[in-house]
Amino acid sequence: MHDFNSIPDDFPRHPSLGSVSGAQSKICVRLIDGKYIEGETNDELFERFDNCRDLVEQLDAYCCRKLLTRPQMELSALLSGVRKSVGQKGWDVTPAELDWIMSKLAQRLKLPPTDQI
């Protein structure tokens, strides 16, 4: 069972942005368990959040290791490289989720807000 209350308010939600051509008005929904659903289900949202939270954990450990082996490296440069790398991995992370991941990572690494990536 998922704790949907553990999803922070600042985690991005993805509204349905479907578009269907034609003369008549249409709505984009999916039939799930006998109900028409627009956008993400709670389970889908929790899964995306859980994946992003896990990435924050993994990237935090990676950044800490990098900073230990290369203490001269600036944190903002490291985070910029991490962001670029995550974007190139082909992982299922939306741009808004990547922004969220990077902001949480910067908070954990104590990057001043004006320097956040």
PDB file of N, CA and C in Angstrom:
ATOM      1  N   MET A   1       0.849  -1.185   0.000  1.00  0.00           N
ATOM      2  CA  MET A   1       0.000   0.000   0.000  1.00  0.00           C
ATOM      3  C   MET A   1       0.888   1.239   0.000  1.00  0.00           C
ATOM      4  N   HIS A   2       0.535   2.189  -0.831  1.00  0.00           N
ATOM      5  CA  HIS A   2       1.319   3.417  -0.969  1.00  0.00           C
ATOM      6  C   HIS A   2       0.814   4.476  -0.010  1.00  0.00           C
ATOM      7  N   ASP A   3       1.732   5.263   0.510  1.00  0.00           N
ATOM      8  CA  ASP A   3       1.374   6.404   1.342  1.00  0.00           C
ATOM      9  C   ASP A   3       1.350   7.644   0.446  1.00  0.00           C
ATOM     10  N   PHE A   4       0.181   7.926  -0.127  1.00  0.00           N
ATOM     11  CA  PHE A   4       0.055   9.045  -1.056  1.00  0.00           C
ATOM     12  C   PHE A   4       0.283  10.381  -0.367  1.00  0.00           C
ATOM     13  N   ASN A   5       0.135  10.424   0.953  1.00  0.00           N
ATOM     14  CA  ASN A   5       0.382  11.658   1.690  1.00  0.00           C
ATOM     15  C   ASN A   5       1.868  11.982   1.768  1.00  0.00           C
ATOM     16  N   SER A   6       2.729  10.992   1.442  1.00  0.00           N
ATOM     17  CA  SER A   6       4.169  11.238   1.486  1.00  0.00           C
ATOM     18  C   SER A   6       4.658  11.991   0.250  1.00  0.00           C
ATOM     19  N   ILE A   7       3.806  12.150  -0.755  1.00  0.00           N
ATOM     20  CA  ILE A   7       4.199  12.889  -1.954  1.00  0.00           C
ATOM     21  C   ILE A   7       4.119  14.378  -1.638  1.00  0.00           C
ATOM     22  N   PRO A   8       5.268  15.078  -1.693  1.00  0.00           N
ATOM     23  CA  PRO A   8       5.245  16.500  -1.341  1.00  0.00           C
ATOM     24  C   PRO A   8       4.460  17.328  -2.352  1.00  0.00           C
ATOM     25  N   ASP A   9       3.943  18.444  -1.880  1.00  0.00           N
ATOM     26  CA  ASP A   9       3.150  19.322  -2.737  1.00  0.00           C
ATOM     27  C   ASP A   9       3.953  19.876  -3.903  1.00  0.00           C
ATOM     28  N   ASP A  10       5.267  19.990  -3.734  1.00  0.00           N
ATOM     29  CA  ASP A  10       6.077  20.563  -4.805  1.00  0.00           C
ATOM     30  C   ASP A  10       6.477  19.542  -5.876  1.00  0.00           C
ATOM     31  N   PHE A  11       6.088  18.273  -5.693  1.00  0.00           N
ATOM     32  CA  PHE A  11       6.390  17.280  -6.726  1.00  0.00           C
ATOM     33  C   PHE A  11       5.470  17.512  -7.916  1.00  0.00           C
ATOM     34  N   PRO A  12       6.024  17.544  -9.131  1.00  0.00           N
ATOM     35  CA  PRO A  12       5.197  17.871 -10.307  1.00  0.00           C
ATOM     36  C   PRO A  12       4.120  16.830 -10.597  1.00  0.00           C
ATOM     37  N   ARG A  13       2.941  17.335 -10.875  1.00  0.00           N
ATOM     38  CA  ARG A  13       1.833  16.497 -11.342  1.00  0.00           C
ATOM     39  C   ARG A  13       1.695  16.729 -12.836  1.00  0.00           C
ATOM     40  N   HIS A  14       1.231  15.715 -13.539  1.00  0.00           N
ATOM     41  CA  HIS A  14       1.130  15.811 -14.986  1.00  0.00           C
ATOM     42  C   HIS A  14      -0.333  15.769 -15.411  1.00  0.00           C
ATOM     43  N   PRO A  15      -0.887  16.929 -15.697  1.00  0.00           N
ATOM     44  CA  PRO A  15      -2.278  16.933 -16.153  1.00  0.00           C
ATOM     45  C   PRO A  15      -2.376  16.303 -17.536  1.00  0.00           C
ATOM     46  N   SER A  16      -3.546  15.866 -17.873  1.00  0.00           N
ATOM     47  CA  SER A  16      -3.766  15.300 -19.193  1.00  0.00           C
ATOM     48  C   SER A  16      -3.666  16.428 -20.213  1.00  0.00           C
ATOM     49  N   LEU A  17      -2.792  16.255 -21.171  1.00  0.00           N
ATOM     50  CA  LEU A  17      -2.613  17.278 -22.189  1.00  0.00           C
ATOM     51  C   LEU A  17      -2.912  16.710 -23.579  1.00  0.00           C
ATOM     52  N   GLY A  18      -3.838  15.783 -23.625  1.00  0.00           N
ATOM     53  CA  GLY A  18      -4.144  15.132 -24.883  1.00  0.00           C
ATOM     54  C   GLY A  18      -4.838  16.051 -25.858  1.00  0.00           C
ATOM     55  N   SER A  19      -4.654  15.755 -27.121  1.00  0.00           N
ATOM     56  CA  SER A  19      -5.280  16.533 -28.176  1.00  0.00           C
ATOM     57  C   SER A  19      -5.770  15.571 -29.243  1.00  0.00           C
ATOM     58  N   VAL A  20      -7.019  15.701 -29.586  1.00  0.00           N
ATOM     59  CA  VAL A  20      -7.616  14.841 -30.592  1.00  0.00           C
ATOM     60  C   VAL A  20      -8.285  15.737 -31.625  1.00  0.00           C
ATOM     61  N   SER A  21      -7.941  15.514 -32.879  1.00  0.00           N
ATOM     62  CA  SER A  21      -8.514  16.367 -33.934  1.00  0.00           C
ATOM     63  C   SER A  21      -9.937  15.937 -34.248  1.00  0.00           C
ATOM     64  N   GLY A  22     -10.653  16.820 -34.895  1.00  0.00           N
ATOM     65  CA  GLY A  22     -12.011  16.525 -35.310  1.00  0.00           C
ATOM     66  C   GLY A  22     -12.943  17.682 -35.027  1.00  0.00           C
ATOM     67  N   ALA A  23     -14.144  17.590 -35.566  1.00  0.00           N
ATOM     68  CA  ALA A  23     -15.112  18.679 -35.446  1.00  0.00           C
ATOM     69  C   ALA A  23     -15.792  18.691 -34.083  1.00  0.00           C
ATOM     70  N   GLN A  24     -15.983  17.530 -33.479  1.00  0.00           N
ATOM     71  CA  GLN A  24     -16.664  17.470 -32.193  1.00  0.00           C
ATOM     72  C   GLN A  24     -15.670  17.545 -31.039  1.00  0.00           C
ATOM     73  N   SER A  25     -16.132  18.104 -29.941  1.00  0.00           N
ATOM     74  CA  SER A  25     -15.294  18.184 -28.744  1.00  0.00           C
ATOM     75  C   SER A  25     -15.008  16.789 -28.217  1.00  0.00           C
ATOM     76  N   LYS A  26     -13.798  16.607 -27.714  1.00  0.00           N
ATOM     77  CA  LYS A  26     -13.394  15.316 -27.175  1.00  0.00           C
ATOM     78  C   LYS A  26     -12.621  15.539 -25.890  1.00  0.00           C
ATOM     79  N   ILE A  27     -12.597  14.539 -25.055  1.00  0.00           N
ATOM     80  CA  ILE A  27     -11.753  14.571 -23.877  1.00  0.00           C
ATOM     81  C   ILE A  27     -10.825  13.361 -23.942  1.00  0.00           C
ATOM     82  N   CYS A  28      -9.639  13.523 -23.418  1.00  0.00           N
ATOM     83  CA  CYS A  28      -8.674  12.417 -23.422  1.00  0.00           C
ATOM     84  C   CYS A  28      -8.691  11.754 -22.054  1.00  0.00           C
ATOM     85  N   VAL A  29      -9.210  10.553 -22.018  1.00  0.00           N
ATOM     86  CA  VAL A  29      -9.288   9.780 -20.784  1.00  0.00           C
ATOM     87  C   VAL A  29      -8.882   8.347 -21.087  1.00  0.00           C
ATOM     88  N   ARG A  30      -8.645   7.591 -20.019  1.00  0.00           N
ATOM     89  CA  ARG A  30      -8.333   6.168 -20.142  1.00  0.00           C
ATOM     90  C   ARG A  30      -9.336   5.400 -19.298  1.00  0.00           C
ATOM     91  N   LEU A  31      -9.677   4.209 -19.746  1.00  0.00           N
ATOM     92  CA  LEU A  31     -10.563   3.342 -18.985  1.00  0.00           C
ATOM     93  C   LEU A  31      -9.699   2.428 -18.126  1.00  0.00           C
ATOM     94  N   ILE A  32      -9.768   2.625 -16.802  1.00  0.00           N
ATOM     95  CA  ILE A  32      -8.986   1.832 -15.856  1.00  0.00           C
ATOM     96  C   ILE A  32      -9.936   1.286 -14.798  1.00  0.00           C
ATOM     97  N   ASP A  33      -9.975  -0.025 -14.693  1.00  0.00           N
ATOM     98  CA  ASP A  33     -10.837  -0.689 -13.713  1.00  0.00           C
ATOM     99  C   ASP A  33     -12.285  -0.206 -13.793  1.00  0.00           C
ATOM    100  N   GLY A  34     -12.776  -0.043 -15.005  1.00  0.00           N
ATOM    101  CA  GLY A  34     -14.166   0.347 -15.198  1.00  0.00           C
ATOM    102  C   GLY A  34     -14.462   1.826 -14.986  1.00  0.00           C
ATOM    103  N   LYS A  35     -13.431   2.636 -14.775  1.00  0.00           N
ATOM    104  CA  LYS A  35     -13.618   4.077 -14.574  1.00  0.00           C
ATOM    105  C   LYS A  35     -12.796   4.839 -15.604  1.00  0.00           C
ATOM    106  N   TYR A  36     -13.349   5.955 -16.050  1.00  0.00           N
ATOM    107  CA  TYR A  36     -12.609   6.816 -16.953  1.00  0.00           C
ATOM    108  C   TYR A  36     -11.739   7.754 -16.128  1.00  0.00           C
ATOM    109  N   ILE A  37     -10.446   7.747 -16.424  1.00  0.00           N
ATOM    110  CA  ILE A  37      -9.472   8.517 -15.660  1.00  0.00           C
ATOM    111  C   ILE A  37      -8.793   9.519 -16.582  1.00  0.00           C
ATOM    112  N   GLU A  38      -8.728  10.760 -16.129  1.00  0.00           N
ATOM    113  CA  GLU A  38      -7.983  11.791 -16.843  1.00  0.00           C
ATOM    114  C   GLU A  38      -6.687  12.038 -16.081  1.00  0.00           C
ATOM    115  N   GLY A  39      -5.576  12.044 -16.795  1.00  0.00           N
ATOM    116  CA  GLY A  39      -4.294  12.271 -16.136  1.00  0.00           C
ATOM    117  C   GLY A  39      -3.792  11.013 -15.444  1.00  0.00           C
ATOM    118  N   GLU A  40      -2.938  11.219 -14.432  1.00  0.00           N
ATOM    119  CA  GLU A  40      -2.327  10.101 -13.724  1.00  0.00           C
ATOM    120  C   GLU A  40      -3.232   9.563 -12.627  1.00  0.00           C
ATOM    121  N   THR A  41      -3.139   8.258 -12.399  1.00  0.00           N
ATOM    122  CA  THR A  41      -3.798   7.679 -11.237  1.00  0.00           C
ATOM    123  C   THR A  41      -2.899   7.940 -10.028  1.00  0.00           C
ATOM    124  N   ASN A  42      -3.427   7.754  -8.838  1.00  0.00           N
ATOM    125  CA  ASN A  42      -2.614   7.912  -7.629  1.00  0.00           C
ATOM    126  C   ASN A  42      -1.437   6.947  -7.637  1.00  0.00           C
ATOM    127  N   ASP A  43      -1.664   5.730  -8.102  1.00  0.00           N
ATOM    128  CA  ASP A  43      -0.585   4.746  -8.155  1.00  0.00           C
ATOM    129  C   ASP A  43       0.512   5.179  -9.133  1.00  0.00           C
ATOM    130  N   GLU A  44       0.113   5.704 -10.278  1.00  0.00           N
ATOM    131  CA  GLU A  44       1.099   6.172 -11.260  1.00  0.00           C
ATOM    132  C   GLU A  44       1.898   7.353 -10.701  1.00  0.00           C
ATOM    133  N   LEU A  45       1.217   8.269 -10.042  1.00  0.00           N
ATOM    134  CA  LEU A  45       1.894   9.419  -9.447  1.00  0.00           C
ATOM    135  C   LEU A  45       2.879   8.957  -8.378  1.00  0.00           C
ATOM    136  N   PHE A  46       2.445   8.029  -7.524  1.00  0.00           N
ATOM    137  CA  PHE A  46       3.328   7.541  -6.480  1.00  0.00           C
ATOM    138  C   PHE A  46       4.541   6.836  -7.078  1.00  0.00           C
ATOM    139  N   GLU A  47       4.355   6.066  -8.135  1.00  0.00           N
ATOM    140  CA  GLU A  47       5.468   5.368  -8.775  1.00  0.00           C
ATOM    141  C   GLU A  47       6.479   6.368  -9.339  1.00  0.00           C
ATOM    142  N   ARG A  48       5.994   7.435  -9.979  1.00  0.00           N
ATOM    143  CA  ARG A  48       6.896   8.459 -10.520  1.00  0.00           C
ATOM    144  C   ARG A  48       7.646   9.152  -9.377  1.00  0.00           C
ATOM    145  N   PHE A  49       6.919   9.475  -8.296  1.00  0.00           N
ATOM    146  CA  PHE A  49       7.555  10.111  -7.147  1.00  0.00           C
ATOM    147  C   PHE A  49       8.601   9.198  -6.539  1.00  0.00           C
ATOM    148  N   ASP A  50       8.265   7.938  -6.365  1.00  0.00           N
ATOM    149  CA  ASP A  50       9.182   6.984  -5.756  1.00  0.00           C
ATOM    150  C   ASP A  50      10.449   6.842  -6.604  1.00  0.00           C
ATOM    151  N   ASN A  51      10.311   6.803  -7.914  1.00  0.00           N
ATOM    152  CA  ASN A  51      11.469   6.723  -8.802  1.00  0.00           C
ATOM    153  C   ASN A  51      12.339   7.977  -8.676  1.00  0.00           C
ATOM    154  N   CYS A  52      11.710   9.145  -8.638  1.00  0.00           N
ATOM    155  CA  CYS A  52      12.464  10.397  -8.517  1.00  0.00           C
ATOM    156  C   CYS A  52      13.148  10.488  -7.156  1.00  0.00           C
ATOM    157  N   ARG A  53      12.457  10.075  -6.116  1.00  0.00           N
ATOM    158  CA  ARG A  53      13.038  10.084  -4.768  1.00  0.00           C
ATOM    159  C   ARG A  53      14.254   9.158  -4.720  1.00  0.00           C
ATOM    160  N   ASP A  54      14.152   8.004  -5.364  1.00  0.00           N
ATOM    161  CA  ASP A  54      15.265   7.072  -5.421  1.00  0.00           C
ATOM    162  C   ASP A  54      16.444   7.678  -6.190  1.00  0.00           C
ATOM    163  N   LEU A  55      16.158   8.376  -7.281  1.00  0.00           N
ATOM    164  CA  LEU A  55      17.220   9.034  -8.036  1.00  0.00           C
ATOM    165  C   LEU A  55      17.931  10.091  -7.197  1.00  0.00           C
ATOM    166  N   VAL A  56      17.170  10.840  -6.398  1.00  0.00           N
ATOM    167  CA  VAL A  56      17.782  11.833  -5.518  1.00  0.00           C
ATOM    168  C   VAL A  56      18.762  11.137  -4.570  1.00  0.00           C
ATOM    169  N   GLU A  57      18.352  10.017  -4.002  1.00  0.00           N
ATOM    170  CA  GLU A  57      19.218   9.261  -3.091  1.00  0.00           C
ATOM    171  C   GLU A  57      20.503   8.814  -3.793  1.00  0.00           C
ATOM    172  N   GLN A  58      20.342   8.226  -4.969  1.00  0.00           N
ATOM    173  CA  GLN A  58      21.498   7.719  -5.707  1.00  0.00           C
ATOM    174  C   GLN A  58      22.433   8.851  -6.139  1.00  0.00           C
ATOM    175  N   LEU A  59      21.854   9.946  -6.623  1.00  0.00           N
ATOM    176  CA  LEU A  59      22.671  11.070  -7.080  1.00  0.00           C
ATOM    177  C   LEU A  59      23.358  11.779  -5.923  1.00  0.00           C
ATOM    178  N   ASP A  60      22.709  11.808  -4.769  1.00  0.00           N
ATOM    179  CA  ASP A  60      23.320  12.393  -3.583  1.00  0.00           C
ATOM    180  C   ASP A  60      24.581  11.600  -3.210  1.00  0.00           C
ATOM    181  N   ALA A  61      24.463  10.294  -3.193  1.00  0.00           N
ATOM    182  CA  ALA A  61      25.622   9.443  -2.869  1.00  0.00           C
ATOM    183  C   ALA A  61      26.724   9.629  -3.915  1.00  0.00           C
ATOM    184  N   TYR A  62      26.342   9.694  -5.187  1.00  0.00           N
ATOM    185  CA  TYR A  62      27.315   9.898  -6.265  1.00  0.00           C
ATOM    186  C   TYR A  62      28.047  11.229  -6.093  1.00  0.00           C
ATOM    187  N   CYS A  63      27.299  12.297  -5.847  1.00  0.00           N
ATOM    188  CA  CYS A  63      27.904  13.625  -5.695  1.00  0.00           C
ATOM    189  C   CYS A  63      28.838  13.672  -4.482  1.00  0.00           C
ATOM    190  N   CYS A  64      28.439  13.052  -3.405  1.00  0.00           N
ATOM    191  CA  CYS A  64      29.289  13.026  -2.207  1.00  0.00           C
ATOM    192  C   CYS A  64      30.604  12.304  -2.498  1.00  0.00           C
ATOM    193  N   ARG A  65      30.528  11.177  -3.221  1.00  0.00           N
ATOM    194  CA  ARG A  65      31.753  10.455  -3.597  1.00  0.00           C
ATOM    195  C   ARG A  65      32.638  11.325  -4.485  1.00  0.00           C
ATOM    196  N   LYS A  66      32.029  11.994  -5.463  1.00  0.00           N
ATOM    197  CA  LYS A  66      32.793  12.853  -6.371  1.00  0.00           C
ATOM    198  C   LYS A  66      33.475  13.975  -5.612  1.00  0.00           C
ATOM    199  N   LEU A  67      32.757  14.588  -4.687  1.00  0.00           N
ATOM    200  CA  LEU A  67      33.318  15.711  -3.932  1.00  0.00           C
ATOM    201  C   LEU A  67      34.443  15.257  -3.006  1.00  0.00           C
ATOM    202  N   LEU A  68      34.382  14.017  -2.527  1.00  0.00           N
ATOM    203  CA  LEU A  68      35.464  13.488  -1.695  1.00  0.00           C
ATOM    204  C   LEU A  68      36.724  13.227  -2.517  1.00  0.00           C
ATOM    205  N   THR A  69      36.548  12.726  -3.721  1.00  0.00           N
ATOM    206  CA  THR A  69      37.708  12.406  -4.554  1.00  0.00           C
ATOM    207  C   THR A  69      38.240  13.623  -5.297  1.00  0.00           C
ATOM    208  N   ARG A  70      37.394  14.631  -5.471  1.00  0.00           N
ATOM    209  CA  ARG A  70      37.810  15.852  -6.172  1.00  0.00           C
ATOM    210  C   ARG A  70      37.353  17.080  -5.386  1.00  0.00           C
ATOM    211  N   PRO A  71      37.961  17.345  -4.248  1.00  0.00           N
ATOM    212  CA  PRO A  71      37.510  18.440  -3.382  1.00  0.00           C
ATOM    213  C   PRO A  71      37.604  19.822  -4.026  1.00  0.00           C
ATOM    214  N   GLN A  72      38.424  19.968  -5.065  1.00  0.00           N
ATOM    215  CA  GLN A  72      38.540  21.255  -5.734  1.00  0.00           C
ATOM    216  C   GLN A  72      37.345  21.538  -6.663  1.00  0.00           C
ATOM    217  N   MET A  73      36.555  20.523  -6.954  1.00  0.00           N
ATOM    218  CA  MET A  73      35.418  20.685  -7.865  1.00  0.00           C
ATOM    219  C   MET A  73      34.340  21.553  -7.219  1.00  0.00           C
ATOM    220  N   GLU A  74      33.847  22.499  -7.984  1.00  0.00           N
ATOM    221  CA  GLU A  74      32.763  23.343  -7.485  1.00  0.00           C
ATOM    222  C   GLU A  74      31.455  22.572  -7.562  1.00  0.00           C
ATOM    223  N   LEU A  75      30.651  22.729  -6.529  1.00  0.00           N
ATOM    224  CA  LEU A  75      29.385  22.005  -6.445  1.00  0.00           C
ATOM    225  C   LEU A  75      28.454  22.356  -7.598  1.00  0.00           C
ATOM    226  N   SER A  76      28.410  23.621  -7.961  1.00  0.00           N
ATOM    227  CA  SER A  76      27.518  24.026  -9.055  1.00  0.00           C
ATOM    228  C   SER A  76      27.944  23.377 -10.373  1.00  0.00           C
ATOM    229  N   ALA A  77      29.246  23.225 -10.603  1.00  0.00           N
ATOM    230  CA  ALA A  77      29.730  22.565 -11.818  1.00  0.00           C
ATOM    231  C   ALA A  77      29.377  21.074 -11.796  1.00  0.00           C
ATOM    232  N   LEU A  78      29.524  20.460 -10.636  1.00  0.00           N
ATOM    233  CA  LEU A  78      29.168  19.044 -10.498  1.00  0.00           C
ATOM    234  C   LEU A  78      27.684  18.836 -10.786  1.00  0.00           C
ATOM    235  N   LEU A  79      26.838  19.670 -10.197  1.00  0.00           N
ATOM    236  CA  LEU A  79      25.392  19.525 -10.404  1.00  0.00           C
ATOM    237  C   LEU A  79      25.001  19.790 -11.850  1.00  0.00           C
ATOM    238  N   SER A  80      25.680  20.716 -12.480  1.00  0.00           N
ATOM    239  CA  SER A  80      25.402  20.982 -13.890  1.00  0.00           C
ATOM    240  C   SER A  80      25.722  19.750 -14.736  1.00  0.00           C
ATOM    241  N   GLY A  81      26.844  19.100 -14.439  1.00  0.00           N
ATOM    242  CA  GLY A  81      27.205  17.880 -15.149  1.00  0.00           C
ATOM    243  C   GLY A  81      26.250  16.736 -14.868  1.00  0.00           C
ATOM    244  N   VAL A  82      25.811  16.630 -13.623  1.00  0.00           N
ATOM    245  CA  VAL A  82      24.860  15.586 -13.243  1.00  0.00           C
ATOM    246  C   VAL A  82      23.546  15.794 -13.991  1.00  0.00           C
ATOM    247  N   ARG A  83      23.066  17.023 -14.034  1.00  0.00           N
ATOM    248  CA  ARG A  83      21.810  17.321 -14.739  1.00  0.00           C
ATOM    249  C   ARG A  83      21.912  16.934 -16.213  1.00  0.00           C
ATOM    250  N   LYS A  84      23.012  17.316 -16.833  1.00  0.00           N
ATOM    251  CA  LYS A  84      23.202  17.001 -18.250  1.00  0.00           C
ATOM    252  C   LYS A  84      23.229  15.490 -18.458  1.00  0.00           C
ATOM    253  N   SER A  85      23.941  14.786 -17.594  1.00  0.00           N
ATOM    254  CA  SER A  85      24.056  13.338 -17.700  1.00  0.00           C
ATOM    255  C   SER A  85      22.704  12.643 -17.523  1.00  0.00           C
ATOM    256  N   VAL A  86      21.944  13.077 -16.525  1.00  0.00           N
ATOM    257  CA  VAL A  86      20.618  12.474 -16.296  1.00  0.00           C
ATOM    258  C   VAL A  86      19.729  12.700 -17.520  1.00  0.00           C
ATOM    259  N   GLY A  87      19.813  13.883 -18.102  1.00  0.00           N
ATOM    260  CA  GLY A  87      19.015  14.180 -19.291  1.00  0.00           C
ATOM    261  C   GLY A  87      19.367  13.320 -20.486  1.00  0.00           C
ATOM    262  N   GLN A  88      20.612  12.847 -20.547  1.00  0.00           N
ATOM    263  CA  GLN A  88      21.069  12.035 -21.678  1.00  0.00           C
ATOM    264  C   GLN A  88      20.889  10.537 -21.462  1.00  0.00           C
ATOM    265  N   LYS A  89      20.524  10.130 -20.267  1.00  0.00           N
ATOM    266  CA  LYS A  89      20.434   8.701 -19.946  1.00  0.00           C
ATOM    267  C   LYS A  89      19.240   8.006 -20.591  1.00  0.00           C
ATOM    268  N   GLY A  90      18.232   8.761 -20.973  1.00  0.00           N
ATOM    269  CA  GLY A  90      17.044   8.132 -21.535  1.00  0.00           C
ATOM    270  C   GLY A  90      16.121   7.575 -20.465  1.00  0.00           C
ATOM    271  N   TRP A  91      16.338   7.992 -19.218  1.00  0.00           N
ATOM    272  CA  TRP A  91      15.462   7.565 -18.136  1.00  0.00           C
ATOM    273  C   TRP A  91      14.130   8.259 -18.304  1.00  0.00           C
ATOM    274  N   ASP A  92      13.098   7.665 -17.806  1.00  0.00           N
ATOM    275  CA  ASP A  92      11.740   8.209 -17.937  1.00  0.00           C
ATOM    276  C   ASP A  92      11.513   9.290 -16.882  1.00  0.00           C
ATOM    277  N   VAL A  93      12.146  10.439 -17.101  1.00  0.00           N
ATOM    278  CA  VAL A  93      12.026  11.574 -16.183  1.00  0.00           C
ATOM    279  C   VAL A  93      11.626  12.786 -17.013  1.00  0.00           C
ATOM    280  N   THR A  94      10.534  13.421 -16.650  1.00  0.00           N
ATOM    281  CA  THR A  94      10.094  14.607 -17.377  1.00  0.00           C
ATOM    282  C   THR A  94      10.979  15.802 -17.007  1.00  0.00           C
ATOM    283  N   PRO A  95      10.981  16.847 -17.816  1.00  0.00           N
ATOM    284  CA  PRO A  95      11.752  18.042 -17.460  1.00  0.00           C
ATOM    285  C   PRO A  95      11.360  18.613 -16.090  1.00  0.00           C
ATOM    286  N   ALA A  96      10.074  18.603 -15.769  1.00  0.00           N
ATOM    287  CA  ALA A  96       9.627  19.113 -14.460  1.00  0.00           C
ATOM    288  C   ALA A  96      10.136  18.218 -13.331  1.00  0.00           C
ATOM    289  N   GLU A  97      10.139  16.908 -13.553  1.00  0.00           N
ATOM    290  CA  GLU A  97      10.663  15.993 -12.541  1.00  0.00           C
ATOM    291  C   GLU A  97      12.164  16.172 -12.368  1.00  0.00           C
ATOM    292  N   LEU A  98      12.872  16.406 -13.472  1.00  0.00           N
ATOM    293  CA  LEU A  98      14.309  16.641 -13.379  1.00  0.00           C
ATOM    294  C   LEU A  98      14.593  17.925 -12.598  1.00  0.00           C
ATOM    295  N   ASP A  99      13.793  18.954 -12.815  1.00  0.00           N
ATOM    296  CA  ASP A  99      13.928  20.186 -12.027  1.00  0.00           C
ATOM    297  C   ASP A  99      13.752  19.879 -10.541  1.00  0.00           C
ATOM    298  N   TRP A 100      12.740  19.069 -10.221  1.00  0.00           N
ATOM    299  CA  TRP A 100      12.459  18.710  -8.832  1.00  0.00           C
ATOM    300  C   TRP A 100      13.634  17.915  -8.243  1.00  0.00           C
ATOM    301  N   ILE A 101      14.128  16.943  -8.994  1.00  0.00           N
ATOM    302  CA  ILE A 101      15.256  16.123  -8.546  1.00  0.00           C
ATOM    303  C   ILE A 101      16.462  17.005  -8.248  1.00  0.00           C
ATOM    304  N   MET A 102      16.772  17.906  -9.159  1.00  0.00           N
ATOM    305  CA  MET A 102      17.949  18.756  -8.998  1.00  0.00           C
ATOM    306  C   MET A 102      17.784  19.727  -7.835  1.00  0.00           C
ATOM    307  N   SER A 103      16.573  20.217  -7.614  1.00  0.00           N
ATOM    308  CA  SER A 103      16.374  21.128  -6.476  1.00  0.00           C
ATOM    309  C   SER A 103      16.536  20.375  -5.157  1.00  0.00           C
ATOM    310  N   LYS A 104      16.044  19.144  -5.084  1.00  0.00           N
ATOM    311  CA  LYS A 104      16.200  18.342  -3.864  1.00  0.00           C
ATOM    312  C   LYS A 104      17.663  17.969  -3.650  1.00  0.00           C
ATOM    313  N   LEU A 105      18.353  17.651  -4.724  1.00  0.00           N
ATOM    314  CA  LEU A 105      19.765  17.320  -4.632  1.00  0.00           C
ATOM    315  C   LEU A 105      20.563  18.535  -4.142  1.00  0.00           C
ATOM    316  N   ALA A 106      20.280  19.695  -4.688  1.00  0.00           N
ATOM    317  CA  ALA A 106      20.972  20.924  -4.267  1.00  0.00           C
ATOM    318  C   ALA A 106      20.701  21.208  -2.791  1.00  0.00           C
ATOM    319  N   GLN A 107      19.473  20.974  -2.329  1.00  0.00           N
ATOM    320  CA  GLN A 107      19.146  21.178  -0.916  1.00  0.00           C
ATOM    321  C   GLN A 107      19.951  20.229  -0.036  1.00  0.00           C
ATOM    322  N   ARG A 108      20.048  18.974  -0.442  1.00  0.00           N
ATOM    323  CA  ARG A 108      20.792  17.990   0.348  1.00  0.00           C
ATOM    324  C   ARG A 108      22.278  18.334   0.425  1.00  0.00           C
ATOM    325  N   LEU A 109      22.796  18.872  -0.674  1.00  0.00           N
ATOM    326  CA  LEU A 109      24.218  19.194  -0.725  1.00  0.00           C
ATOM    327  C   LEU A 109      24.492  20.604  -0.213  1.00  0.00           C
ATOM    328  N   LYS A 110      23.435  21.256   0.252  1.00  0.00           N
ATOM    329  CA  LYS A 110      23.539  22.580   0.869  1.00  0.00           C
ATOM    330  C   LYS A 110      24.059  23.646  -0.086  1.00  0.00           C
ATOM    331  N   LEU A 111      23.609  23.575  -1.352  1.00  0.00           N
ATOM    332  CA  LEU A 111      23.964  24.614  -2.324  1.00  0.00           C
ATOM    333  C   LEU A 111      23.111  25.834  -2.048  1.00  0.00           C
ATOM    334  N   PRO A 112      23.707  27.014  -1.947  1.00  0.00           N
ATOM    335  CA  PRO A 112      22.895  28.226  -1.711  1.00  0.00           C
ATOM    336  C   PRO A 112      21.838  28.385  -2.802  1.00  0.00           C
ATOM    337  N   PRO A 113      20.622  28.844  -2.451  1.00  0.00           N
ATOM    338  CA  PRO A 113      19.528  28.945  -3.423  1.00  0.00           C
ATOM    339  C   PRO A 113      19.879  29.741  -4.675  1.00  0.00           C
ATOM    340  N   THR A 114      20.719  30.754  -4.576  1.00  0.00           N
ATOM    341  CA  THR A 114      21.051  31.561  -5.751  1.00  0.00           C
ATOM    342  C   THR A 114      21.918  30.794  -6.725  1.00  0.00           C
ATOM    343  N   ASP A 115      22.564  29.710  -6.271  1.00  0.00           N
ATOM    344  CA  ASP A 115      23.452  28.932  -7.121  1.00  0.00           C
ATOM    345  C   ASP A 115      22.796  27.665  -7.668  1.00  0.00           C
ATOM    346  N   GLN A 116      21.539  27.417  -7.335  1.00  0.00           N
ATOM    347  CA  GLN A 116      20.921  26.152  -7.715  1.00  0.00           C
ATOM    348  C   GLN A 116      20.828  26.017  -9.238  1.00  0.00           C
ATOM    349  N   ILE A 117      20.962  24.794  -9.682  1.00  0.00           N
ATOM    350  CA  ILE A 117      20.959  24.468 -11.115  1.00  0.00           C
ATOM    351  C   ILE A 117      19.545  24.232 -11.581  1.00  0.00           C
TER     352      ILE A 117
END
